Amino acid sequence: MRARDVLPGSLNVTVVGDPIRMNPIVLFAVQINQLWYALPLVIVVSLVYAATRHEEIGSILVHAVRIGGMIAAFMLIVFVVLLGLAWCAG
């Protein structure tokens, strides 16, 4: 494989001698589908945690929204840190 055969901004995977060019945006879009599993998990965890702290439905929902936002913010921070480490590494 010559140097000009490699597209800038693409990942090259060699399968039995033939390079397959993969766009990082497509790879990210494929992996983003796994992120949908986190949404019901965050909702359930925040509702259960809030229900252990309060008895009225109004205060449970307010606390659940607050704790769900904190969980989502934490997940976003971890994502940004890991993305930065991956960018620096390679």
Protein backbone atom coordinates (compact mmCIF):
# COMPACT_ATOMS: atom_id res chain seq x y z
CA MET A 1 0.00 0.00 0.00
CA ARG A 2 1.44 3.33 -1.04
CA ALA A 3 1.30 6.45 1.12
CA ARG A 4 -1.07 8.20 -1.29
CA ASP A 5 -3.58 5.33 -1.03
CA VAL A 6 -4.38 6.31 2.53
CA LEU A 7 -7.18 8.84 2.81
CA PRO A 8 -6.63 11.62 5.36
CA GLY A 9 -8.99 11.33 8.31
CA SER A 10 -9.80 7.67 7.70
CA LEU A 11 -8.88 4.51 9.52
CA ASN A 12 -7.36 1.78 7.43
CA VAL A 13 -8.00 -1.84 8.34
CA THR A 14 -6.18 -4.57 6.46
CA VAL A 15 -8.21 -7.71 5.80
CA VAL A 16 -6.28 -10.39 3.88
CA GLY A 17 -4.07 -7.83 2.24
CA ASP A 18 -6.82 -5.45 1.07
CA PRO A 19 -7.18 -2.14 2.92
CA ILE A 20 -10.71 -1.19 3.92
CA ARG A 21 -11.09 2.53 4.54
CA MET A 22 -13.46 3.42 7.38
CA ASN A 23 -14.61 6.93 8.12
CA PRO A 24 -14.33 7.76 11.85
CA ILE A 25 -17.71 9.49 11.75
CA VAL A 26 -19.35 6.29 10.50
CA LEU A 27 -17.61 4.28 13.21
CA PHE A 28 -18.85 6.75 15.82
CA ALA A 29 -22.40 6.59 14.44
CA VAL A 30 -22.37 2.81 14.66
CA GLN A 31 -21.18 2.90 18.25
CA ILE A 32 -23.65 5.62 19.29
CA ASN A 33 -26.45 3.06 19.06
CA GLN A 34 -25.01 1.38 22.16
CA LEU A 35 -25.46 4.66 24.02
CA TRP A 36 -29.24 4.27 23.85
CA TYR A 37 -28.96 1.51 26.47
CA ALA A 38 -27.73 4.12 28.96
CA LEU A 39 -30.91 6.23 28.74
CA PRO A 40 -33.34 3.81 30.45
CA LEU A 41 -30.61 2.82 32.89
CA VAL A 42 -30.05 6.44 33.97
CA ILE A 43 -33.83 7.00 34.26
CA VAL A 44 -34.38 3.91 36.41
CA VAL A 45 -31.35 4.51 38.63
CA SER A 46 -32.28 8.14 39.24
CA LEU A 47 -35.93 7.28 40.00
CA VAL A 48 -35.01 4.49 42.42
CA TYR A 49 -32.39 6.63 44.14
CA ALA A 50 -34.83 9.53 44.49
CA ALA A 51 -37.55 7.22 45.78
CA THR A 52 -35.28 6.02 48.56
CA ARG A 53 -34.81 9.64 49.69
CA HIS A 54 -38.39 11.00 49.42
CA GLU A 55 -41.98 9.81 49.79
CA GLU A 56 -44.03 12.33 47.78
CA ILE A 57 -44.15 11.90 44.01
CA GLY A 58 -43.37 15.58 43.34
CA SER A 59 -40.17 15.60 45.33
CA ILE A 60 -39.22 12.19 43.89
CA LEU A 61 -39.50 13.53 40.33
CA VAL A 62 -37.60 16.74 41.12
CA HIS A 63 -34.80 14.79 42.78
CA ALA A 64 -34.77 12.21 39.96
CA VAL A 65 -34.35 14.91 37.31
CA ARG A 66 -31.54 16.50 39.30
CA ILE A 67 -29.68 13.24 39.89
CA GLY A 68 -30.28 12.14 36.27
CA GLY A 69 -28.66 15.37 35.11
CA MET A 70 -25.69 14.79 37.38
CA ILE A 71 -25.28 11.23 36.05
CA ALA A 72 -25.48 12.48 32.45
CA ALA A 73 -22.95 15.24 33.18
CA PHE A 74 -20.57 12.72 34.75
CA MET A 75 -20.93 10.43 31.72
CA LEU A 76 -20.23 13.38 29.40
CA ILE A 77 -17.12 14.36 31.35
CA VAL A 78 -15.79 10.80 31.23
CA PHE A 79 -16.53 10.67 27.49
CA VAL A 80 -14.65 13.91 26.85
CA VAL A 81 -11.65 12.75 28.92
CA LEU A 82 -11.51 9.41 27.09
CA LEU A 83 -11.91 11.13 23.72
CA GLY A 84 -9.05 13.47 24.59
CA LEU A 85 -6.83 10.57 25.66
CA ALA A 86 -7.64 8.69 22.45
CA TRP A 87 -6.89 11.80 20.40
CA CYS A 88 -3.55 12.31 22.16
CA ALA A 89 -2.60 8.66 21.80
CA GLY A 90 -3.16 8.40 18.24
